[in-house]
Amino acid sequence: MEALRLIEISRHALAQSRSAPEIVAEAWQIQALAQAIGSRLAMSGPAEVRGEARGLGEIGGRGCGVLDHPMVRSGGVRATQLTSVSDPQAALIGLNVLLGEVGIALVGVACATDDEGLYWQCIETIDTADESSDRVRGMLRRLAEHEPDRPPETVRGRAGPAGPVAEMGPAAGAV
């Protein structure tokens, strides 16, 4: 399945998650997706982003180390369905938005829980999502350096109505 489609499926699944275990399971799914996209781009993406992509794959792997969680196993690891990243820039913008959304969802879980273990798990996963987002933004900057005609707003994922973020849906511009 194409990266943009998996990102959109993940955004929908995260938005539908209501309980803390569902949100945490989706966070793991999203980190696995970040790892898969990073690994794919490291092998066959544009040359200027391969180093950062390798780092994204490594960070994503640290963030989804508990993939034997029952919530994840019941539906399988969504990222294993990744077959291509046909538009690296659009995929990275979408992934960056998704990482921001999962961070916000995890803050909500961390603030609402009395379980110290869950709290720290959320904090660690938020840090991992933030680190992944830094890598993604680095790759977007590198892509922009090699495309001087592209407006700088697309690098930050805040393009106007005609930009790639508008295609991701109404919440896509929120980072």
C-alpha atoms as a PDB file:
ATOM      1  CA  MET A   1       0.000   0.000   0.000  1.00  0.00           C
ATOM      2  CA  GLU A   2       1.241   3.501  -0.805  1.00  0.00           C
ATOM      3  CA  ALA A   3       2.617   5.623   2.080  1.00  0.00           C
ATOM      4  CA  LEU A   4       0.036   8.400   1.765  1.00  0.00           C
ATOM      5  CA  ARG A   5      -2.798   5.884   1.990  1.00  0.00           C
ATOM      6  CA  LEU A   6      -1.303   4.288   5.110  1.00  0.00           C
ATOM      7  CA  ILE A   7      -0.833   7.724   6.670  1.00  0.00           C
ATOM      8  CA  GLU A   8      -4.465   8.568   6.014  1.00  0.00           C
ATOM      9  CA  ILE A   9      -5.618   5.216   7.451  1.00  0.00           C
ATOM     10  CA  SER A  10      -3.491   5.869  10.532  1.00  0.00           C
ATOM     11  CA  ARG A  11      -4.898   9.382  10.949  1.00  0.00           C
ATOM     12  CA  HIS A  12      -8.408   7.967  10.811  1.00  0.00           C
ATOM     13  CA  ALA A  13      -7.591   5.174  13.277  1.00  0.00           C
ATOM     14  CA  LEU A  14      -6.019   7.655  15.705  1.00  0.00           C
ATOM     15  CA  ALA A  15      -9.037   9.964  15.430  1.00  0.00           C
ATOM     16  CA  GLN A  16     -11.355   7.027  16.194  1.00  0.00           C
ATOM     17  CA  SER A  17      -9.338   5.931  19.250  1.00  0.00           C
ATOM     18  CA  ARG A  18     -11.224   6.709  22.454  1.00  0.00           C
ATOM     19  CA  SER A  19      -9.455   4.873  25.252  1.00  0.00           C
ATOM     20  CA  ALA A  20      -5.894   5.166  26.507  1.00  0.00           C
ATOM     21  CA  PRO A  21      -4.958   1.640  25.334  1.00  0.00           C
ATOM     22  CA  GLU A  22      -6.318   2.388  21.845  1.00  0.00           C
ATOM     23  CA  ILE A  23      -4.374   5.666  21.631  1.00  0.00           C
ATOM     24  CA  VAL A  24      -1.173   4.017  22.844  1.00  0.00           C
ATOM     25  CA  ALA A  25      -1.632   1.164  20.356  1.00  0.00           C
ATOM     26  CA  GLU A  26      -2.101   3.713  17.546  1.00  0.00           C
ATOM     27  CA  ALA A  27       1.040   5.538  18.694  1.00  0.00           C
ATOM     28  CA  TRP A  28       2.940   2.273  18.270  1.00  0.00           C
ATOM     29  CA  GLN A  29       1.388   1.783  14.839  1.00  0.00           C
ATOM     30  CA  ILE A  30       2.423   5.300  13.808  1.00  0.00           C
ATOM     31  CA  GLN A  31       5.989   4.830  15.018  1.00  0.00           C
ATOM     32  CA  ALA A  32       6.149   1.563  13.074  1.00  0.00           C
ATOM     33  CA  LEU A  33       4.939   3.480  10.021  1.00  0.00           C
ATOM     34  CA  ALA A  34       7.598   6.158  10.556  1.00  0.00           C
ATOM     35  CA  GLN A  35      10.197   3.394  10.752  1.00  0.00           C
ATOM     36  CA  ALA A  36       8.927   1.756   7.570  1.00  0.00           C
ATOM     37  CA  ILE A  37       8.826   5.026   5.618  1.00  0.00           C
ATOM     38  CA  GLY A  38      12.286   5.940   6.888  1.00  0.00           C
ATOM     39  CA  SER A  39      13.687   2.547   5.911  1.00  0.00           C
ATOM     40  CA  ARG A  40      12.046   2.695   2.480  1.00  0.00           C
ATOM     41  CA  LEU A  41      13.426   6.190   1.787  1.00  0.00           C
ATOM     42  CA  ALA A  42      16.873   5.179   3.073  1.00  0.00           C
ATOM     43  CA  MET A  43      16.994   2.404   0.479  1.00  0.00           C
ATOM     44  CA  SER A  44      15.300   3.969  -2.513  1.00  0.00           C
ATOM     45  CA  GLY A  45      14.425   7.585  -1.747  1.00  0.00           C
ATOM     46  CA  PRO A  46      16.090  10.715  -3.081  1.00  0.00           C
ATOM     47  CA  ALA A  47      19.838  10.657  -2.389  1.00  0.00           C
ATOM     48  CA  GLU A  48      19.745  13.894  -0.390  1.00  0.00           C
ATOM     49  CA  VAL A  49      17.467  12.402   2.297  1.00  0.00           C
ATOM     50  CA  ARG A  50      18.879   8.903   2.696  1.00  0.00           C
ATOM     51  CA  GLY A  51      20.991   9.674   5.778  1.00  0.00           C
ATOM     52  CA  GLU A  52      18.127  11.351   7.634  1.00  0.00           C
ATOM     53  CA  ALA A  53      15.797   8.575   6.485  1.00  0.00           C
ATOM     54  CA  ARG A  54      18.089   5.957   8.023  1.00  0.00           C
ATOM     55  CA  GLY A  55      17.912   7.882  11.284  1.00  0.00           C
ATOM     56  CA  LEU A  56      14.114   8.041  11.052  1.00  0.00           C
ATOM     57  CA  GLY A  57      14.004   4.274  10.604  1.00  0.00           C
ATOM     58  CA  GLU A  58      16.137   3.789  13.704  1.00  0.00           C
ATOM     59  CA  ILE A  59      14.097   6.226  15.818  1.00  0.00           C
ATOM     60  CA  GLY A  60      10.822   4.680  14.664  1.00  0.00           C
ATOM     61  CA  GLY A  61      12.140   1.275  15.657  1.00  0.00           C
ATOM     62  CA  ARG A  62      12.829   2.471  19.204  1.00  0.00           C
ATOM     63  CA  GLY A  63       9.331   3.925  19.473  1.00  0.00           C
ATOM     64  CA  CYS A  64       7.485   0.764  18.564  1.00  0.00           C
ATOM     65  CA  GLY A  65       9.361  -1.763  20.649  1.00  0.00           C
ATOM     66  CA  VAL A  66       6.188  -3.087  22.294  1.00  0.00           C
ATOM     67  CA  LEU A  67       4.440  -4.313  19.182  1.00  0.00           C
ATOM     68  CA  ASP A  68       3.337  -7.480  20.929  1.00  0.00           C
ATOM     69  CA  HIS A  69       0.616  -5.439  22.654  1.00  0.00           C
ATOM     70  CA  PRO A  70      -2.781  -7.163  22.198  1.00  0.00           C
ATOM     71  CA  MET A  71      -4.318  -4.068  20.569  1.00  0.00           C
ATOM     72  CA  VAL A  72      -1.608  -4.094  17.910  1.00  0.00           C
ATOM     73  CA  ARG A  73      -1.642  -7.841  17.352  1.00  0.00           C
ATOM     74  CA  SER A  74      -5.385  -7.989  16.803  1.00  0.00           C
ATOM     75  CA  GLY A  75      -5.148  -5.939  13.631  1.00  0.00           C
ATOM     76  CA  GLY A  76      -1.503  -6.584  12.825  1.00  0.00           C
ATOM     77  CA  VAL A  77       1.181  -4.019  12.202  1.00  0.00           C
ATOM     78  CA  ARG A  78      -0.235  -1.683   9.575  1.00  0.00           C
ATOM     79  CA  ALA A  79       3.232  -0.562   8.420  1.00  0.00           C
ATOM     80  CA  THR A  80       3.997  -4.008   7.017  1.00  0.00           C
ATOM     81  CA  GLN A  81       1.585  -3.135   4.209  1.00  0.00           C
ATOM     82  CA  LEU A  82       3.866  -0.336   2.946  1.00  0.00           C
ATOM     83  CA  THR A  83       4.795  -1.021  -0.666  1.00  0.00           C
ATOM     84  CA  SER A  84       5.891   2.383  -1.950  1.00  0.00           C
ATOM     85  CA  VAL A  85       6.576   6.032  -1.225  1.00  0.00           C
ATOM     86  CA  SER A  86       5.722   7.478  -4.623  1.00  0.00           C
ATOM     87  CA  ASP A  87       5.784  11.138  -3.494  1.00  0.00           C
ATOM     88  CA  PRO A  88       8.420  11.505  -0.752  1.00  0.00           C
ATOM     89  CA  GLN A  89       7.628  15.166  -0.078  1.00  0.00           C
ATOM     90  CA  ALA A  90       3.879  14.609   0.349  1.00  0.00           C
ATOM     91  CA  ALA A  91       4.483  11.476   2.440  1.00  0.00           C
ATOM     92  CA  LEU A  92       6.884  13.328   4.726  1.00  0.00           C
ATOM     93  CA  ILE A  93       4.485  16.237   5.155  1.00  0.00           C
ATOM     94  CA  GLY A  94       1.657  13.832   5.981  1.00  0.00           C
ATOM     95  CA  LEU A  95       3.857  11.837   8.353  1.00  0.00           C
ATOM     96  CA  ASN A  96       4.943  15.023  10.119  1.00  0.00           C
ATOM     97  CA  VAL A  97       1.314  16.034  10.652  1.00  0.00           C
ATOM     98  CA  LEU A  98       0.490  12.528  11.914  1.00  0.00           C
ATOM     99  CA  LEU A  99       3.408  12.586  14.366  1.00  0.00           C
ATOM    100  CA  GLY A 100       2.129  15.907  15.722  1.00  0.00           C
ATOM    101  CA  GLU A 101      -1.363  14.519  16.124  1.00  0.00           C
ATOM    102  CA  VAL A 102      -0.166  11.424  17.963  1.00  0.00           C
ATOM    103  CA  GLY A 103       1.938  13.612  20.259  1.00  0.00           C
ATOM    104  CA  ILE A 104      -1.132  15.664  21.161  1.00  0.00           C
ATOM    105  CA  ALA A 105      -3.191  12.514  21.759  1.00  0.00           C
ATOM    106  CA  LEU A 106      -0.489  11.079  24.015  1.00  0.00           C
ATOM    107  CA  VAL A 107      -0.294  14.296  26.042  1.00  0.00           C
ATOM    108  CA  GLY A 108      -4.007  13.859  26.696  1.00  0.00           C
ATOM    109  CA  VAL A 109      -3.478  10.275  27.862  1.00  0.00           C
ATOM    110  CA  ALA A 110      -0.509  11.220  30.048  1.00  0.00           C
ATOM    111  CA  CYS A 111      -2.451  14.055  31.700  1.00  0.00           C
ATOM    112  CA  ALA A 112      -5.499  11.885  32.361  1.00  0.00           C
ATOM    113  CA  THR A 113      -3.824   8.797  33.813  1.00  0.00           C
ATOM    114  CA  ASP A 114      -3.036   7.922  37.411  1.00  0.00           C
ATOM    115  CA  ASP A 115      -0.916   4.986  36.257  1.00  0.00           C
ATOM    116  CA  GLU A 116       2.717   6.044  36.581  1.00  0.00           C
ATOM    117  CA  GLY A 117       3.909   3.372  34.137  1.00  0.00           C
ATOM    118  CA  LEU A 118       1.477   4.506  31.455  1.00  0.00           C
ATOM    119  CA  TYR A 119       2.424   8.135  32.106  1.00  0.00           C
ATOM    120  CA  TRP A 120       6.128   7.491  31.512  1.00  0.00           C
ATOM    121  CA  GLN A 121       5.407   5.283  28.521  1.00  0.00           C
ATOM    122  CA  CYS A 122       3.465   8.203  26.995  1.00  0.00           C
ATOM    123  CA  ILE A 123       6.277  10.650  27.767  1.00  0.00           C
ATOM    124  CA  GLU A 124       8.853   8.376  26.114  1.00  0.00           C
ATOM    125  CA  THR A 125       6.630   7.890  23.077  1.00  0.00           C
ATOM    126  CA  ILE A 126       6.034  11.653  22.818  1.00  0.00           C
ATOM    127  CA  ASP A 127       9.806  12.176  22.849  1.00  0.00           C
ATOM    128  CA  THR A 128      10.228   9.559  20.127  1.00  0.00           C
ATOM    129  CA  ALA A 129       7.498  11.156  17.989  1.00  0.00           C
ATOM    130  CA  ASP A 130       9.169  14.548  18.441  1.00  0.00           C
ATOM    131  CA  GLU A 131      12.551  13.124  17.455  1.00  0.00           C
ATOM    132  CA  SER A 132      10.974  11.487  14.407  1.00  0.00           C
ATOM    133  CA  SER A 133       9.324  14.771  13.484  1.00  0.00           C
ATOM    134  CA  ASP A 134      12.718  16.527  13.682  1.00  0.00           C
ATOM    135  CA  ARG A 135      14.127  13.993  11.199  1.00  0.00           C
ATOM    136  CA  VAL A 136      11.143  14.421   8.896  1.00  0.00           C
ATOM    137  CA  ARG A 137      11.530  18.220   8.920  1.00  0.00           C
ATOM    138  CA  GLY A 138      15.231  17.778   8.166  1.00  0.00           C
ATOM    139  CA  MET A 139      14.385  15.651   5.136  1.00  0.00           C
ATOM    140  CA  LEU A 140      11.840  18.210   3.953  1.00  0.00           C
ATOM    141  CA  ARG A 141      14.488  20.944   4.229  1.00  0.00           C
ATOM    142  CA  ARG A 142      16.938  18.867   2.208  1.00  0.00           C
ATOM    143  CA  LEU A 143      14.317  18.232  -0.463  1.00  0.00           C
ATOM    144  CA  ALA A 144      13.562  21.966  -0.586  1.00  0.00           C
ATOM    145  CA  GLU A 145      17.244  22.792  -1.067  1.00  0.00           C
ATOM    146  CA  HIS A 146      17.207  20.678  -4.207  1.00  0.00           C
ATOM    147  CA  GLU A 147      13.989  22.250  -5.516  1.00  0.00           C
ATOM    148  CA  PRO A 148      14.580  26.022  -5.427  1.00  0.00           C
ATOM    149  CA  ASP A 149      11.282  26.797  -7.218  1.00  0.00           C
ATOM    150  CA  ARG A 150       9.164  25.352  -4.409  1.00  0.00           C
ATOM    151  CA  PRO A 151       7.806  27.892  -1.890  1.00  0.00           C
ATOM    152  CA  PRO A 152       9.333  27.595   1.616  1.00  0.00           C
ATOM    153  CA  GLU A 153       5.878  27.170   3.211  1.00  0.00           C
ATOM    154  CA  THR A 154       5.682  23.590   1.939  1.00  0.00           C
ATOM    155  CA  VAL A 155       8.841  22.722   3.854  1.00  0.00           C
ATOM    156  CA  ARG A 156       7.113  23.522   7.122  1.00  0.00           C
ATOM    157  CA  GLY A 157       3.964  21.693   6.041  1.00  0.00           C
ATOM    158  CA  ARG A 158       1.915  24.893   5.985  1.00  0.00           C
ATOM    159  CA  ALA A 159       1.268  25.441   2.316  1.00  0.00           C
ATOM    160  CA  GLY A 160      -1.801  27.386   1.292  1.00  0.00           C
ATOM    161  CA  PRO A 161      -5.021  25.843  -0.022  1.00  0.00           C
ATOM    162  CA  ALA A 162      -3.340  24.609  -3.192  1.00  0.00           C
ATOM    163  CA  GLY A 163      -0.431  23.035  -1.307  1.00  0.00           C
ATOM    164  CA  PRO A 164       0.096  19.382  -0.435  1.00  0.00           C
ATOM    165  CA  VAL A 165      -1.211  19.712   3.120  1.00  0.00           C
ATOM    166  CA  ALA A 166      -4.646  20.762   1.879  1.00  0.00           C
ATOM    167  CA  GLU A 167      -4.929  17.391   0.203  1.00  0.00           C
ATOM    168  CA  MET A 168      -4.486  15.586   3.525  1.00  0.00           C
ATOM    169  CA  GLY A 169      -7.739  16.866   5.035  1.00  0.00           C
ATOM    170  CA  PRO A 170      -8.875  19.675   7.297  1.00  0.00           C
ATOM    171  CA  ALA A 171      -6.747  18.795  10.332  1.00  0.00           C
ATOM    172  CA  ALA A 172      -3.599  18.235   8.289  1.00  0.00           C
ATOM    173  CA  GLY A 173      -2.295  21.774   8.658  1.00  0.00           C
ATOM    174  CA  ALA A 174      -2.234  21.538  12.448  1.00  0.00           C
ATOM    175  CA  VAL A 175       1.239  20.745  13.697  1.00  0.00           C
END
